[in-house]
Amino acid sequence: MQDDRKGVFFSTHITSDLEKIADYITFINNGRIEFSAAKDDVVENFGLVKGARELLSSDLGKHLIGVRENRFGFEGMVKDKRQVIRLLHGSAVVEKPSLDEIMLYLTRRTRDNV
């Protein structure tokens, strides 16, 4: 039975459990709330960007939470994929990330080799 006036607090690091159970997620990292939103909104708003390294020197860099470079280009996470899609004009691929990928980027916040 669903009751919108009540909730369950579920603390876990197992993101597959969250994807199955949660409606809303508050993600706390080192005592700081990174986001608190409906689970579906989180995965719809964040984006996993893949493209050529040359794009890193553009305005895209301001939007990246973290980035990993490889010999083919880069992969990075952004919080507002719609804004980045408008910025890139199709010059990179923007994919829907998993909850696990979002949380990994937020906890690591690395910019390898940049």
PDB file of N, CA and C in Angstrom:
ATOM      1  N   MET A   1       0.839  -1.183   0.000  1.00  0.00           N
ATOM      2  CA  MET A   1       0.000   0.000   0.000  1.00  0.00           C
ATOM      3  C   MET A   1       0.885   1.247   0.000  1.00  0.00           C
ATOM      4  N   GLN A   2       0.622   2.157  -0.892  1.00  0.00           N
ATOM      5  CA  GLN A   2       1.417   3.370  -1.019  1.00  0.00           C
ATOM      6  C   GLN A   2       0.801   4.489  -0.200  1.00  0.00           C
ATOM      7  N   ASP A   3       1.642   5.182   0.559  1.00  0.00           N
ATOM      8  CA  ASP A   3       1.220   6.325   1.352  1.00  0.00           C
ATOM      9  C   ASP A   3       2.208   7.452   1.087  1.00  0.00           C
ATOM     10  N   ASP A   4       1.767   8.500   0.377  1.00  0.00           N
ATOM     11  CA  ASP A   4       2.651   9.599  -0.008  1.00  0.00           C
ATOM     12  C   ASP A   4       3.114  10.443   1.174  1.00  0.00           C
ATOM     13  N   ARG A   5       2.527  10.235   2.357  1.00  0.00           N
ATOM     14  CA  ARG A   5       2.917  11.000   3.534  1.00  0.00           C
ATOM     15  C   ARG A   5       4.033  10.320   4.316  1.00  0.00           C
ATOM     16  N   LYS A   6       4.434   9.138   3.884  1.00  0.00           N
ATOM     17  CA  LYS A   6       5.463   8.394   4.605  1.00  0.00           C
ATOM     18  C   LYS A   6       6.543   7.936   3.647  1.00  0.00           C
ATOM     19  N   GLY A   7       7.720   7.720   4.197  1.00  0.00           N
ATOM     20  CA  GLY A   7       8.829   7.257   3.372  1.00  0.00           C
ATOM     21  C   GLY A   7       9.702   6.296   4.151  1.00  0.00           C
ATOM     22  N   VAL A   8      10.616   5.705   3.444  1.00  0.00           N
ATOM     23  CA  VAL A   8      11.567   4.789   4.048  1.00  0.00           C
ATOM     24  C   VAL A   8      12.962   5.315   3.748  1.00  0.00           C
ATOM     25  N   PHE A   9      13.788   5.417   4.769  1.00  0.00           N
ATOM     26  CA  PHE A   9      15.176   5.830   4.587  1.00  0.00           C
ATOM     27  C   PHE A   9      15.995   4.568   4.375  1.00  0.00           C
ATOM     28  N   PHE A  10      16.674   4.504   3.248  1.00  0.00           N
ATOM     29  CA  PHE A  10      17.427   3.311   2.872  1.00  0.00           C
ATOM     30  C   PHE A  10      18.834   3.757   2.519  1.00  0.00           C
ATOM     31  N   SER A  11      19.789   3.412   3.344  1.00  0.00           N
ATOM     32  CA  SER A  11      21.176   3.817   3.126  1.00  0.00           C
ATOM     33  C   SER A  11      21.950   2.644   2.539  1.00  0.00           C
ATOM     34  N   THR A  12      22.537   2.860   1.357  1.00  0.00           N
ATOM     35  CA  THR A  12      23.272   1.780   0.703  1.00  0.00           C
ATOM     36  C   THR A  12      24.311   2.343  -0.253  1.00  0.00           C
ATOM     37  N   HIS A  13      25.289   1.551  -0.546  1.00  0.00           N
ATOM     38  CA  HIS A  13      26.246   1.891  -1.599  1.00  0.00           C
ATOM     39  C   HIS A  13      26.028   0.990  -2.812  1.00  0.00           C
ATOM     40  N   ILE A  14      25.003   0.160  -2.756  1.00  0.00           N
ATOM     41  CA  ILE A  14      24.700  -0.761  -3.852  1.00  0.00           C
ATOM     42  C   ILE A  14      23.677  -0.086  -4.769  1.00  0.00           C
ATOM     43  N   THR A  15      24.171   0.481  -5.856  1.00  0.00           N
ATOM     44  CA  THR A  15      23.300   1.278  -6.728  1.00  0.00           C
ATOM     45  C   THR A  15      22.244   0.444  -7.433  1.00  0.00           C
ATOM     46  N   SER A  16      22.488  -0.830  -7.646  1.00  0.00           N
ATOM     47  CA  SER A  16      21.463  -1.671  -8.282  1.00  0.00           C
ATOM     48  C   SER A  16      20.233  -1.781  -7.379  1.00  0.00           C
ATOM     49  N   ASP A  17      20.424  -1.763  -6.057  1.00  0.00           N
ATOM     50  CA  ASP A  17      19.286  -1.747  -5.134  1.00  0.00           C
ATOM     51  C   ASP A  17      18.496  -0.454  -5.291  1.00  0.00           C
ATOM     52  N   LEU A  18      19.203   0.661  -5.406  1.00  0.00           N
ATOM     53  CA  LEU A  18      18.536   1.953  -5.580  1.00  0.00           C
ATOM     54  C   LEU A  18      17.734   1.993  -6.876  1.00  0.00           C
ATOM     55  N   GLU A  19      18.315   1.469  -7.948  1.00  0.00           N
ATOM     56  CA  GLU A  19      17.627   1.482  -9.238  1.00  0.00           C
ATOM     57  C   GLU A  19      16.336   0.672  -9.188  1.00  0.00           C
ATOM     58  N   LYS A  20      16.305  -0.381  -8.380  1.00  0.00           N
ATOM     59  CA  LYS A  20      15.110  -1.228  -8.265  1.00  0.00           C
ATOM     60  C   LYS A  20      14.065  -0.647  -7.323  1.00  0.00           C
ATOM     61  N   ILE A  21      14.505  -0.026  -6.225  1.00  0.00           N
ATOM     62  CA  ILE A  21      13.599   0.311  -5.130  1.00  0.00           C
ATOM     63  C   ILE A  21      13.241   1.793  -5.042  1.00  0.00           C
ATOM     64  N   ALA A  22      14.214   2.658  -5.214  1.00  0.00           N
ATOM     65  CA  ALA A  22      14.051   4.080  -4.877  1.00  0.00           C
ATOM     66  C   ALA A  22      13.193   4.858  -5.868  1.00  0.00           C
ATOM     67  N   ASP A  23      12.433   5.791  -5.322  1.00  0.00           N
ATOM     68  CA  ASP A  23      11.733   6.789  -6.128  1.00  0.00           C
ATOM     69  C   ASP A  23      12.517   8.097  -6.097  1.00  0.00           C
ATOM     70  N   TYR A  24      13.055   8.419  -4.935  1.00  0.00           N
ATOM     71  CA  TYR A  24      13.846   9.631  -4.734  1.00  0.00           C
ATOM     72  C   TYR A  24      15.201   9.238  -4.155  1.00  0.00           C
ATOM     73  N   ILE A  25      16.224   9.993  -4.525  1.00  0.00           N
ATOM     74  CA  ILE A  25      17.569   9.701  -4.043  1.00  0.00           C
ATOM     75  C   ILE A  25      18.216  10.985  -3.533  1.00  0.00           C
ATOM     76  N   THR A  26      18.781  10.903  -2.351  1.00  0.00           N
ATOM     77  CA  THR A  26      19.644  11.956  -1.828  1.00  0.00           C
ATOM     78  C   THR A  26      21.030  11.345  -1.751  1.00  0.00           C
ATOM     79  N   PHE A  27      21.939  11.884  -2.535  1.00  0.00           N
ATOM     80  CA  PHE A  27      23.292  11.342  -2.595  1.00  0.00           C
ATOM     81  C   PHE A  27      24.213  12.231  -1.778  1.00  0.00           C
ATOM     82  N   ILE A  28      24.784  11.661  -0.718  1.00  0.00           N
ATOM     83  CA  ILE A  28      25.681  12.390   0.175  1.00  0.00           C
ATOM     84  C   ILE A  28      27.091  11.868  -0.034  1.00  0.00           C
ATOM     85  N   ASN A  29      28.008  12.772  -0.318  1.00  0.00           N
ATOM     86  CA  ASN A  29      29.401  12.423  -0.569  1.00  0.00           C
ATOM     87  C   ASN A  29      30.287  13.269   0.342  1.00  0.00           C
ATOM     88  N   ASN A  30      31.024  12.626   1.232  1.00  0.00           N
ATOM     89  CA  ASN A  30      31.884  13.334   2.193  1.00  0.00           C
ATOM     90  C   ASN A  30      31.118  14.401   2.974  1.00  0.00           C
ATOM     91  N   GLY A  31      29.911  14.072   3.414  1.00  0.00           N
ATOM     92  CA  GLY A  31      29.106  14.985   4.214  1.00  0.00           C
ATOM     93  C   GLY A  31      28.412  16.080   3.435  1.00  0.00           C
ATOM     94  N   ARG A  32      28.521  16.064   2.122  1.00  0.00           N
ATOM     95  CA  ARG A  32      27.935  17.102   1.257  1.00  0.00           C
ATOM     96  C   ARG A  32      26.844  16.484   0.386  1.00  0.00           C
ATOM     97  N   ILE A  33      25.677  17.110   0.334  1.00  0.00           N
ATOM     98  CA  ILE A  33      24.606  16.619  -0.529  1.00  0.00           C
ATOM     99  C   ILE A  33      24.942  16.999  -1.963  1.00  0.00           C
ATOM    100  N   GLU A  34      25.185  15.991  -2.793  1.00  0.00           N
ATOM    101  CA  GLU A  34      25.500  16.208  -4.214  1.00  0.00           C
ATOM    102  C   GLU A  34      24.222  16.453  -5.012  1.00  0.00           C
ATOM    103  N   PHE A  35      23.177  15.697  -4.700  1.00  0.00           N
ATOM    104  CA  PHE A  35      21.869  15.924  -5.307  1.00  0.00           C
ATOM    105  C   PHE A  35      20.803  15.254  -4.464  1.00  0.00           C
ATOM    106  N   SER A  36      19.588  15.756  -4.584  1.00  0.00           N
ATOM    107  CA  SER A  36      18.427  15.178  -3.933  1.00  0.00           C
ATOM    108  C   SER A  36      17.268  15.386  -4.894  1.00  0.00           C
ATOM    109  N   ALA A  37      16.846  14.300  -5.537  1.00  0.00           N
ATOM    110  CA  ALA A  37      15.839  14.430  -6.592  1.00  0.00           C
ATOM    111  C   ALA A  37      15.191  13.079  -6.877  1.00  0.00           C
ATOM    112  N   ALA A  38      14.148  13.120  -7.686  1.00  0.00           N
ATOM    113  CA  ALA A  38      13.534  11.879  -8.150  1.00  0.00           C
ATOM    114  C   ALA A  38      14.567  11.107  -8.961  1.00  0.00           C
ATOM    115  N   LYS A  39      14.622   9.807  -8.743  1.00  0.00           N
ATOM    116  CA  LYS A  39      15.619   8.964  -9.418  1.00  0.00           C
ATOM    117  C   LYS A  39      15.552   9.140 -10.931  1.00  0.00           C
ATOM    118  N   ASP A  40      14.362   9.156 -11.491  1.00  0.00           N
ATOM    119  CA  ASP A  40      14.225   9.293 -12.943  1.00  0.00           C
ATOM    120  C   ASP A  40      14.758  10.635 -13.441  1.00  0.00           C
ATOM    121  N   ASP A  41      14.562  11.696 -12.658  1.00  0.00           N
ATOM    122  CA  ASP A  41      15.090  13.010 -13.039  1.00  0.00           C
ATOM    123  C   ASP A  41      16.615  13.016 -13.041  1.00  0.00           C
ATOM    124  N   VAL A  42      17.205  12.327 -12.082  1.00  0.00           N
ATOM    125  CA  VAL A  42      18.666  12.276 -11.983  1.00  0.00           C
ATOM    126  C   VAL A  42      19.253  11.671 -13.247  1.00  0.00           C
ATOM    127  N   VAL A  43      18.769  10.491 -13.637  1.00  0.00           N
ATOM    128  CA  VAL A  43      19.358   9.828 -14.810  1.00  0.00           C
ATOM    129  C   VAL A  43      18.980  10.521 -16.117  1.00  0.00           C
ATOM    130  N   GLU A  44      17.900  11.290 -16.120  1.00  0.00           N
ATOM    131  CA  GLU A  44      17.527  12.040 -17.323  1.00  0.00           C
ATOM    132  C   GLU A  44      18.339  13.320 -17.475  1.00  0.00           C
ATOM    133  N   ASN A  45      18.744  13.933 -16.378  1.00  0.00           N
ATOM    134  CA  ASN A  45      19.457  15.211 -16.436  1.00  0.00           C
ATOM    135  C   ASN A  45      20.956  15.062 -16.648  1.00  0.00           C
ATOM    136  N   PHE A  46      21.561  14.073 -16.001  1.00  0.00           N
ATOM    137  CA  PHE A  46      22.997  13.850 -16.176  1.00  0.00           C
ATOM    138  C   PHE A  46      23.249  13.259 -17.559  1.00  0.00           C
ATOM    139  N   GLY A  47      24.461  13.435 -18.060  1.00  0.00           N
ATOM    140  CA  GLY A  47      24.812  12.877 -19.365  1.00  0.00           C
ATOM    141  C   GLY A  47      26.250  12.408 -19.391  1.00  0.00           C
ATOM    142  N   LEU A  48      26.483  11.317 -20.100  1.00  0.00           N
ATOM    143  CA  LEU A  48      27.827  10.786 -20.303  1.00  0.00           C
ATOM    144  C   LEU A  48      28.258  11.211 -21.702  1.00  0.00           C
ATOM    145  N   VAL A  49      29.229  12.111 -21.772  1.00  0.00           N
ATOM    146  CA  VAL A  49      29.671  12.707 -23.035  1.00  0.00           C
ATOM    147  C   VAL A  49      30.914  11.982 -23.527  1.00  0.00           C
ATOM    148  N   LYS A  50      30.917  11.639 -24.824  1.00  0.00           N
ATOM    149  CA  LYS A  50      32.074  10.983 -25.441  1.00  0.00           C
ATOM    150  C   LYS A  50      32.426  11.731 -26.715  1.00  0.00           C
ATOM    151  N   GLY A  51      33.708  12.060 -26.862  1.00  0.00           N
ATOM    152  CA  GLY A  51      34.111  12.791 -28.051  1.00  0.00           C
ATOM    153  C   GLY A  51      35.614  12.926 -28.183  1.00  0.00           C
ATOM    154  N   ALA A  52      36.013  13.749 -29.148  1.00  0.00           N
ATOM    155  CA  ALA A  52      37.434  13.997 -29.420  1.00  0.00           C
ATOM    156  C   ALA A  52      38.031  14.891 -28.335  1.00  0.00           C
ATOM    157  N   ARG A  53      39.300  14.679 -28.036  1.00  0.00           N
ATOM    158  CA  ARG A  53      39.989  15.450 -26.990  1.00  0.00           C
ATOM    159  C   ARG A  53      39.961  16.954 -27.239  1.00  0.00           C
ATOM    160  N   GLU A  54      39.928  17.348 -28.495  1.00  0.00           N
ATOM    161  CA  GLU A  54      39.925  18.779 -28.824  1.00  0.00           C
ATOM    162  C   GLU A  54      38.750  19.504 -28.170  1.00  0.00           C
ATOM    163  N   LEU A  55      37.661  18.809 -27.923  1.00  0.00           N
ATOM    164  CA  LEU A  55      36.484  19.433 -27.314  1.00  0.00           C
ATOM    165  C   LEU A  55      36.733  19.850 -25.865  1.00  0.00           C
ATOM    166  N   LEU A  56      37.723  19.244 -25.226  1.00  0.00           N
ATOM    167  CA  LEU A  56      38.003  19.557 -23.822  1.00  0.00           C
ATOM    168  C   LEU A  56      38.485  20.985 -23.629  1.00  0.00           C
ATOM    169  N   SER A  57      39.078  21.566 -24.649  1.00  0.00           N
ATOM    170  CA  SER A  57      39.560  22.943 -24.535  1.00  0.00           C
ATOM    171  C   SER A  57      38.451  23.954 -24.808  1.00  0.00           C
ATOM    172  N   SER A  58      37.292  23.490 -25.193  1.00  0.00           N
ATOM    173  CA  SER A  58      36.168  24.385 -25.475  1.00  0.00           C
ATOM    174  C   SER A  58      35.415  24.691 -24.181  1.00  0.00           C
ATOM    175  N   ASP A  59      34.265  25.311 -24.317  1.00  0.00           N
ATOM    176  CA  ASP A  59      33.412  25.626 -23.170  1.00  0.00           C
ATOM    177  C   ASP A  59      32.897  24.373 -22.476  1.00  0.00           C
ATOM    178  N   LEU A  60      33.015  23.243 -23.110  1.00  0.00           N
ATOM    179  CA  LEU A  60      32.562  21.987 -22.516  1.00  0.00           C
ATOM    180  C   LEU A  60      33.243  21.726 -21.175  1.00  0.00           C
ATOM    181  N   GLY A  61      34.510  22.074 -21.068  1.00  0.00           N
ATOM    182  CA  GLY A  61      35.274  21.830 -19.847  1.00  0.00           C
ATOM    183  C   GLY A  61      34.619  22.374 -18.590  1.00  0.00           C
ATOM    184  N   LYS A  62      33.904  23.498 -18.720  1.00  0.00           N
ATOM    185  CA  LYS A  62      33.227  24.107 -17.576  1.00  0.00           C
ATOM    186  C   LYS A  62      32.083  23.247 -17.057  1.00  0.00           C
ATOM    187  N   HIS A  63      31.552  22.385 -17.911  1.00  0.00           N
ATOM    188  CA  HIS A  63      30.392  21.573 -17.549  1.00  0.00           C
ATOM    189  C   HIS A  63      30.757  20.182 -17.045  1.00  0.00           C
ATOM    190  N   LEU A  64      31.995  19.784 -17.237  1.00  0.00           N
ATOM    191  CA  LEU A  64      32.394  18.419 -16.890  1.00  0.00           C
ATOM    192  C   LEU A  64      32.599  18.245 -15.390  1.00  0.00           C
ATOM    193  N   ILE A  65      32.007  17.202 -14.850  1.00  0.00           N
ATOM    194  CA  ILE A  65      32.210  16.824 -13.457  1.00  0.00           C
ATOM    195  C   ILE A  65      33.525  16.074 -13.339  1.00  0.00           C
ATOM    196  N   GLY A  66      33.768  15.217 -14.267  1.00  0.00           N
ATOM    197  CA  GLY A  66      34.996  14.439 -14.311  1.00  0.00           C
ATOM    198  C   GLY A  66      35.203  13.959 -15.727  1.00  0.00           C
ATOM    199  N   VAL A  67      36.421  13.604 -16.039  1.00  0.00           N
ATOM    200  CA  VAL A  67      36.717  13.167 -17.402  1.00  0.00           C
ATOM    201  C   VAL A  67      37.797  12.096 -17.375  1.00  0.00           C
ATOM    202  N   ARG A  68      37.690  11.188 -18.308  1.00  0.00           N
ATOM    203  CA  ARG A  68      38.722  10.166 -18.518  1.00  0.00           C
ATOM    204  C   ARG A  68      39.134  10.233 -19.972  1.00  0.00           C
ATOM    205  N   GLU A  69      40.424  10.359 -20.183  1.00  0.00           N
ATOM    206  CA  GLU A  69      40.931  10.386 -21.551  1.00  0.00           C
ATOM    207  C   GLU A  69      41.511   9.028 -21.912  1.00  0.00           C
ATOM    208  N   ASN A  70      41.408   8.722 -23.204  1.00  0.00           N
ATOM    209  CA  ASN A  70      42.049   7.521 -23.740  1.00  0.00           C
ATOM    210  C   ASN A  70      42.563   7.858 -25.132  1.00  0.00           C
ATOM    211  N   ARG A  71      43.105   6.892 -25.814  1.00  0.00           N
ATOM    212  CA  ARG A  71      43.695   7.184 -27.131  1.00  0.00           C
ATOM    213  C   ARG A  71      42.658   7.542 -28.193  1.00  0.00           C
ATOM    214  N   PHE A  72      41.401   7.261 -27.924  1.00  0.00           N
ATOM    215  CA  PHE A  72      40.343   7.566 -28.891  1.00  0.00           C
ATOM    216  C   PHE A  72      39.687   8.921 -28.642  1.00  0.00           C
ATOM    217  N   GLY A  73      39.873   9.482 -27.455  1.00  0.00           N
ATOM    218  CA  GLY A  73      39.230  10.739 -27.108  1.00  0.00           C
ATOM    219  C   GLY A  73      39.016  10.840 -25.613  1.00  0.00           C
ATOM    220  N   PHE A  74      37.781  11.157 -25.222  1.00  0.00           N
ATOM    221  CA  PHE A  74      37.488  11.291 -23.801  1.00  0.00           C
ATOM    222  C   PHE A  74      36.066  10.821 -23.511  1.00  0.00           C
ATOM    223  N   GLU A  75      35.816  10.623 -22.223  1.00  0.00           N
ATOM    224  CA  GLU A  75      34.485  10.328 -21.709  1.00  0.00           C
ATOM    225  C   GLU A  75      34.339  11.152 -20.443  1.00  0.00           C
ATOM    226  N   GLY A  76      33.254  11.895 -20.313  1.00  0.00           N
ATOM    227  CA  GLY A  76      33.060  12.732 -19.135  1.00  0.00           C
ATOM    228  C   GLY A  76      31.601  12.831 -18.745  1.00  0.00           C
ATOM    229  N   MET A  77      31.365  13.188 -17.491  1.00  0.00           N
ATOM    230  CA  MET A  77      30.008  13.310 -16.961  1.00  0.00           C
ATOM    231  C   MET A  77      29.636  14.779 -16.830  1.00  0.00           C
ATOM    232  N   VAL A  78      28.395  15.097 -17.197  1.00  0.00           N
ATOM    233  CA  VAL A  78      27.861  16.450 -17.042  1.00  0.00           C
ATOM    234  C   VAL A  78      26.536  16.379 -16.287  1.00  0.00           C
ATOM    235  N   LYS A  79      26.221  17.446 -15.545  1.00  0.00           N
ATOM    236  CA  LYS A  79      24.981  17.483 -14.765  1.00  0.00           C
ATOM    237  C   LYS A  79      23.770  17.881 -15.597  1.00  0.00           C
ATOM    238  N   ASP A  80      23.973  18.673 -16.632  1.00  0.00           N
ATOM    239  CA  ASP A  80      22.858  19.166 -17.450  1.00  0.00           C
ATOM    240  C   ASP A  80      23.108  18.798 -18.908  1.00  0.00           C
ATOM    241  N   LYS A  81      22.657  17.616 -19.290  1.00  0.00           N
ATOM    242  CA  LYS A  81      22.969  17.145 -20.640  1.00  0.00           C
ATOM    243  C   LYS A  81      22.281  17.974 -21.722  1.00  0.00           C
ATOM    244  N   ARG A  82      21.128  18.553 -21.437  1.00  0.00           N
ATOM    245  CA  ARG A  82      20.441  19.353 -22.458  1.00  0.00           C
ATOM    246  C   ARG A  82      21.267  20.584 -22.841  1.00  0.00           C
ATOM    247  N   GLN A  83      21.824  21.227 -21.837  1.00  0.00           N
ATOM    248  CA  GLN A  83      22.659  22.408 -22.086  1.00  0.00           C
ATOM    249  C   GLN A  83      23.904  22.024 -22.886  1.00  0.00           C
ATOM    250  N   VAL A  84      24.502  20.890 -22.567  1.00  0.00           N
ATOM    251  CA  VAL A  84      25.710  20.440 -23.255  1.00  0.00           C
ATOM    252  C   VAL A  84      25.395  20.017 -24.686  1.00  0.00           C
ATOM    253  N   ILE A  85      24.250  19.403 -24.908  1.00  0.00           N
ATOM    254  CA  ILE A  85      23.845  19.027 -26.271  1.00  0.00           C
ATOM    255  C   ILE A  85      23.732  20.275 -27.143  1.00  0.00           C
ATOM    256  N   ARG A  86      23.129  21.344 -26.593  1.00  0.00           N
ATOM    257  CA  ARG A  86      23.027  22.610 -27.345  1.00  0.00           C
ATOM    258  C   ARG A  86      24.411  23.199 -27.614  1.00  0.00           C
ATOM    259  N   LEU A  87      25.289  23.097 -26.648  1.00  0.00           N
ATOM    260  CA  LEU A  87      26.640  23.642 -26.767  1.00  0.00           C
ATOM    261  C   LEU A  87      27.457  22.908 -27.825  1.00  0.00           C
ATOM    262  N   LEU A  88      27.325  21.594 -27.890  1.00  0.00           N
ATOM    263  CA  LEU A  88      28.172  20.782 -28.768  1.00  0.00           C
ATOM    264  C   LEU A  88      27.684  20.694 -30.214  1.00  0.00           C
ATOM    265  N   HIS A  89      26.432  20.964 -30.471  1.00  0.00           N
ATOM    266  CA  HIS A  89      25.885  20.918 -31.832  1.00  0.00           C
ATOM    267  C   HIS A  89      26.217  19.608 -32.548  1.00  0.00           C
ATOM    268  N   GLY A  90      26.124  18.486 -31.849  1.00  0.00           N
ATOM    269  CA  GLY A  90      26.356  17.189 -32.485  1.00  0.00           C
ATOM    270  C   GLY A  90      27.805  16.785 -32.645  1.00  0.00           C
ATOM    271  N   SER A  91      28.739  17.535 -32.058  1.00  0.00           N
ATOM    272  CA  SER A  91      30.155  17.200 -32.229  1.00  0.00           C
ATOM    273  C   SER A  91      30.643  16.128 -31.253  1.00  0.00           C
ATOM    274  N   ALA A  92      29.760  15.640 -30.390  1.00  0.00           N
ATOM    275  CA  ALA A  92      30.088  14.551 -29.466  1.00  0.00           C
ATOM    276  C   ALA A  92      28.821  13.747 -29.198  1.00  0.00           C
ATOM    277  N   VAL A  93      29.003  12.574 -28.657  1.00  0.00           N
ATOM    278  CA  VAL A  93      27.875  11.712 -28.299  1.00  0.00           C
ATOM    279  C   VAL A  93      27.537  11.969 -26.835  1.00  0.00           C
ATOM    280  N   VAL A  94      26.246  12.115 -26.537  1.00  0.00           N
ATOM    281  CA  VAL A  94      25.800  12.279 -25.155  1.00  0.00           C
ATOM    282  C   VAL A  94      24.835  11.145 -24.853  1.00  0.00           C
ATOM    283  N   GLU A  95      25.223  10.289 -23.910  1.00  0.00           N
ATOM    284  CA  GLU A  95      24.431   9.109 -23.574  1.00  0.00           C
ATOM    285  C   GLU A  95      23.795   9.256 -22.194  1.00  0.00           C
ATOM    286  N   LYS A  96      22.749   8.463 -21.975  1.00  0.00           N
ATOM    287  CA  LYS A  96      22.100   8.403 -20.667  1.00  0.00           C
ATOM    288  C   LYS A  96      22.952   7.508 -19.763  1.00  0.00           C
ATOM    289  N   PRO A  97      23.459   8.048 -18.648  1.00  0.00           N
ATOM    290  CA  PRO A  97      24.316   7.251 -17.769  1.00  0.00           C
ATOM    291  C   PRO A  97      23.497   6.403 -16.795  1.00  0.00           C
ATOM    292  N   SER A  98      24.139   5.412 -16.237  1.00  0.00           N
ATOM    293  CA  SER A  98      23.515   4.643 -15.160  1.00  0.00           C
ATOM    294  C   SER A  98      23.706   5.418 -13.856  1.00  0.00           C
ATOM    295  N   LEU A  99      22.925   5.081 -12.875  1.00  0.00           N
ATOM    296  CA  LEU A  99      23.067   5.696 -11.562  1.00  0.00           C
ATOM    297  C   LEU A  99      24.458   5.420 -10.993  1.00  0.00           C
ATOM    298  N   ASP A 100      24.958   4.238 -11.241  1.00  0.00           N
ATOM    299  CA  ASP A 100      26.296   3.859 -10.788  1.00  0.00           C
ATOM    300  C   ASP A 100      27.365   4.762 -11.412  1.00  0.00           C
ATOM    301  N   GLU A 101      27.263   5.015 -12.716  1.00  0.00           N
ATOM    302  CA  GLU A 101      28.234   5.887 -13.395  1.00  0.00           C
ATOM    303  C   GLU A 101      28.187   7.306 -12.829  1.00  0.00           C
ATOM    304  N   ILE A 102      26.987   7.812 -12.586  1.00  0.00           N
ATOM    305  CA  ILE A 102      26.841   9.166 -12.034  1.00  0.00           C
ATOM    306  C   ILE A 102      27.535   9.260 -10.682  1.00  0.00           C
ATOM    307  N   MET A 103      27.262   8.303  -9.829  1.00  0.00           N
ATOM    308  CA  MET A 103      27.829   8.337  -8.480  1.00  0.00           C
ATOM    309  C   MET A 103      29.341   8.127  -8.487  1.00  0.00           C
ATOM    310  N   LEU A 104      29.826   7.306  -9.389  1.00  0.00           N
ATOM    311  CA  LEU A 104      31.278   7.121  -9.493  1.00  0.00           C
ATOM    312  C   LEU A 104      31.972   8.416  -9.901  1.00  0.00           C
ATOM    313  N   TYR A 105      31.419   9.100 -10.891  1.00  0.00           N
ATOM    314  CA  TYR A 105      32.022  10.368 -11.319  1.00  0.00           C
ATOM    315  C   TYR A 105      31.965  11.412 -10.201  1.00  0.00           C
ATOM    316  N   LEU A 106      30.860  11.472  -9.485  1.00  0.00           N
ATOM    317  CA  LEU A 106      30.743  12.457  -8.413  1.00  0.00           C
ATOM    318  C   LEU A 106      31.687  12.162  -7.255  1.00  0.00           C
ATOM    319  N   THR A 107      31.944  10.903  -6.981  1.00  0.00           N
ATOM    320  CA  THR A 107      32.847  10.580  -5.875  1.00  0.00           C
ATOM    321  C   THR A 107      34.304  10.721  -6.274  1.00  0.00           C
ATOM    322  N   ARG A 108      34.601  10.517  -7.519  1.00  0.00           N
ATOM    323  CA  ARG A 108      36.001  10.609  -7.969  1.00  0.00           C
ATOM    324  C   ARG A 108      36.380  12.005  -8.420  1.00  0.00           C
ATOM    325  N   ARG A 109      35.492  12.655  -9.168  1.00  0.00           N
ATOM    326  CA  ARG A 109      35.746  14.011  -9.696  1.00  0.00           C
ATOM    327  C   ARG A 109      37.172  14.177 -10.197  1.00  0.00           C
ATOM    328  N   THR A 110      37.571  13.274 -11.069  1.00  0.00           N
ATOM    329  CA  THR A 110      38.941  13.333 -11.580  1.00  0.00           C
ATOM    330  C   THR A 110      38.965  13.895 -12.987  1.00  0.00           C
ATOM    331  N   ARG A 111      40.078  14.482 -13.313  1.00  0.00           N
ATOM    332  CA  ARG A 111      40.340  14.931 -14.678  1.00  0.00           C
ATOM    333  C   ARG A 111      41.694  14.362 -15.045  1.00  0.00           C
ATOM    334  N   ASP A 112      41.689  13.101 -15.438  1.00  0.00           N
ATOM    335  CA  ASP A 112      42.930  12.407 -15.770  1.00  0.00           C
ATOM    336  C   ASP A 112      43.582  13.021 -17.000  1.00  0.00           C
ATOM    337  N   ASN A 113      44.840  13.372 -16.856  1.00  0.00           N
ATOM    338  CA  ASN A 113      45.664  13.845 -17.974  1.00  0.00           C
ATOM    339  C   ASN A 113      45.164  15.120 -18.628  1.00  0.00           C
ATOM    340  N   VAL A 114      44.380  15.920 -17.962  1.00  0.00           N
ATOM    341  CA  VAL A 114      43.898  17.163 -18.568  1.00  0.00           C
ATOM    342  C   VAL A 114      44.722  18.314 -18.052  1.00  0.00           C
TER     343      VAL A 114
END
